[in-house]
């Protein structure tokens, strides 16, 4: 699987998890803190 495909799958999984959190702020914050949710170095703003 290509790197871009892996990132797309990770992003979709993250969206799915956020939807399933059903407004639980603590759970949503934990999902967003995971390393896979951070931007790649090349995507970070300058």
N, C-alpha and C. Protein backbone atom coordinates (compact mmCIF):
# COMPACT_ATOMS: atom_id res chain seq x y z
N UNK A 1 0.85 -1.18 0.00
CA UNK A 1 0.00 0.00 0.00
C UNK A 1 0.89 1.24 0.00
N UNK A 2 0.52 2.21 -0.81
CA UNK A 2 1.30 3.44 -0.90
C UNK A 2 1.15 4.25 0.38
N UNK A 3 2.15 5.09 0.65
CA UNK A 3 2.15 5.92 1.86
C UNK A 3 0.91 6.81 1.90
N UNK A 4 0.55 7.41 0.78
CA UNK A 4 -0.63 8.28 0.75
C UNK A 4 -1.89 7.49 1.08
N UNK A 5 -1.98 6.26 0.57
CA UNK A 5 -3.14 5.41 0.87
C UNK A 5 -3.22 5.10 2.36
N UNK A 6 -2.07 4.83 2.97
CA UNK A 6 -2.04 4.53 4.41
C UNK A 6 -2.53 5.74 5.21
N UNK A 7 -2.09 6.93 4.80
CA UNK A 7 -2.51 8.14 5.50
C UNK A 7 -4.01 8.38 5.32
N UNK A 8 -4.51 8.10 4.13
CA UNK A 8 -5.94 8.26 3.89
C UNK A 8 -6.75 7.32 4.78
N UNK A 9 -6.30 6.07 4.88
CA UNK A 9 -6.99 5.09 5.72
C UNK A 9 -6.95 5.52 7.18
N UNK A 10 -5.80 5.99 7.64
CA UNK A 10 -5.68 6.45 9.03
C UNK A 10 -6.62 7.62 9.28
N UNK A 11 -6.71 8.54 8.34
CA UNK A 11 -7.60 9.69 8.48
C UNK A 11 -9.06 9.28 8.54
N UNK A 12 -9.44 8.34 7.68
CA UNK A 12 -10.82 7.86 7.69
C UNK A 12 -11.14 7.13 8.99
N UNK A 13 -10.19 6.34 9.48
CA UNK A 13 -10.39 5.65 10.76
C UNK A 13 -10.56 6.66 11.89
N UNK A 14 -9.78 7.72 11.86
CA UNK A 14 -9.89 8.75 12.90
C UNK A 14 -11.26 9.42 12.85
N UNK A 15 -11.74 9.73 11.66
CA UNK A 15 -13.07 10.33 11.53
C UNK A 15 -14.13 9.40 12.08
N UNK A 16 -14.02 8.12 11.76
CA UNK A 16 -14.97 7.12 12.24
C UNK A 16 -14.97 7.06 13.77
N UNK A 17 -13.79 7.09 14.37
CA UNK A 17 -13.68 7.05 15.83
C UNK A 17 -14.28 8.30 16.46
N UNK A 18 -14.06 9.45 15.85
CA UNK A 18 -14.63 10.70 16.38
C UNK A 18 -16.15 10.65 16.32
N UNK A 19 -16.69 10.17 15.22
CA UNK A 19 -18.14 10.05 15.10
C UNK A 19 -18.68 9.12 16.17
N UNK A 20 -17.98 8.02 16.41
CA UNK A 20 -18.44 7.06 17.41
C UNK A 20 -18.26 7.55 18.84
N UNK A 21 -17.46 8.58 19.04
CA UNK A 21 -17.26 9.12 20.39
C UNK A 21 -18.54 9.79 20.90
N UNK A 22 -19.44 10.13 20.01
CA UNK A 22 -20.76 10.67 20.35
C UNK A 22 -20.70 11.85 21.32
N UNK A 23 -19.78 12.78 21.05
CA UNK A 23 -19.72 13.99 21.85
C UNK A 23 -18.96 13.87 23.16
N UNK A 24 -18.33 12.73 23.42
CA UNK A 24 -17.54 12.56 24.64
C UNK A 24 -16.23 13.32 24.45
N UNK A 25 -16.16 14.52 25.01
CA UNK A 25 -15.01 15.40 24.81
C UNK A 25 -13.71 14.73 25.21
N UNK A 26 -13.70 14.01 26.33
CA UNK A 26 -12.48 13.33 26.77
C UNK A 26 -12.00 12.32 25.75
N UNK A 27 -12.91 11.53 25.20
CA UNK A 27 -12.54 10.52 24.20
C UNK A 27 -12.07 11.19 22.91
N UNK A 28 -12.74 12.25 22.51
CA UNK A 28 -12.34 12.97 21.29
C UNK A 28 -10.94 13.54 21.46
N UNK A 29 -10.65 14.13 22.62
CA UNK A 29 -9.31 14.68 22.87
C UNK A 29 -8.25 13.59 22.82
N UNK A 30 -8.55 12.41 23.35
CA UNK A 30 -7.59 11.30 23.31
C UNK A 30 -7.33 10.87 21.86
N UNK A 31 -8.37 10.82 21.05
CA UNK A 31 -8.21 10.44 19.64
C UNK A 31 -7.31 11.46 18.94
N UNK A 32 -7.54 12.74 19.20
CA UNK A 32 -6.78 13.78 18.53
C UNK A 32 -5.33 13.88 19.00
N UNK A 33 -5.04 13.37 20.20
CA UNK A 33 -3.67 13.40 20.73
C UNK A 33 -2.79 12.30 20.15
N UNK A 34 -3.38 11.31 19.53
CA UNK A 34 -2.61 10.19 18.98
C UNK A 34 -1.64 10.68 17.92
N UNK A 35 -0.46 10.07 17.84
CA UNK A 35 0.54 10.49 16.85
C UNK A 35 0.03 10.45 15.41
N UNK A 36 -0.84 9.52 15.08
CA UNK A 36 -1.33 9.43 13.71
C UNK A 36 -2.21 10.60 13.33
N UNK A 37 -2.68 11.37 14.31
CA UNK A 37 -3.53 12.51 14.01
C UNK A 37 -2.73 13.78 13.73
N UNK A 38 -1.43 13.74 13.97
CA UNK A 38 -0.60 14.91 13.77
C UNK A 38 -0.22 15.02 12.29
N UNK A 39 -0.02 16.26 11.85
CA UNK A 39 0.37 16.48 10.46
C UNK A 39 1.77 15.94 10.23
N UNK A 40 2.01 15.51 9.00
CA UNK A 40 3.37 15.12 8.63
C UNK A 40 4.23 16.36 8.59
N UNK A 41 5.51 16.18 8.74
CA UNK A 41 6.45 17.32 8.74
C UNK A 41 6.27 18.17 7.50
N UNK A 42 6.05 17.54 6.34
CA UNK A 42 5.94 18.30 5.09
C UNK A 42 4.64 19.09 5.02
N UNK A 43 3.65 18.78 5.86
CA UNK A 43 2.38 19.45 5.83
C UNK A 43 2.27 20.55 6.88
N UNK A 44 3.23 20.65 7.79
CA UNK A 44 3.16 21.65 8.85
C UNK A 44 3.31 23.04 8.27
N UNK A 45 2.57 23.97 8.88
CA UNK A 45 2.65 25.35 8.44
C UNK A 45 3.97 25.96 8.88
N UNK A 46 4.44 26.87 8.08
CA UNK A 46 5.71 27.54 8.38
C UNK A 46 5.47 28.70 9.31
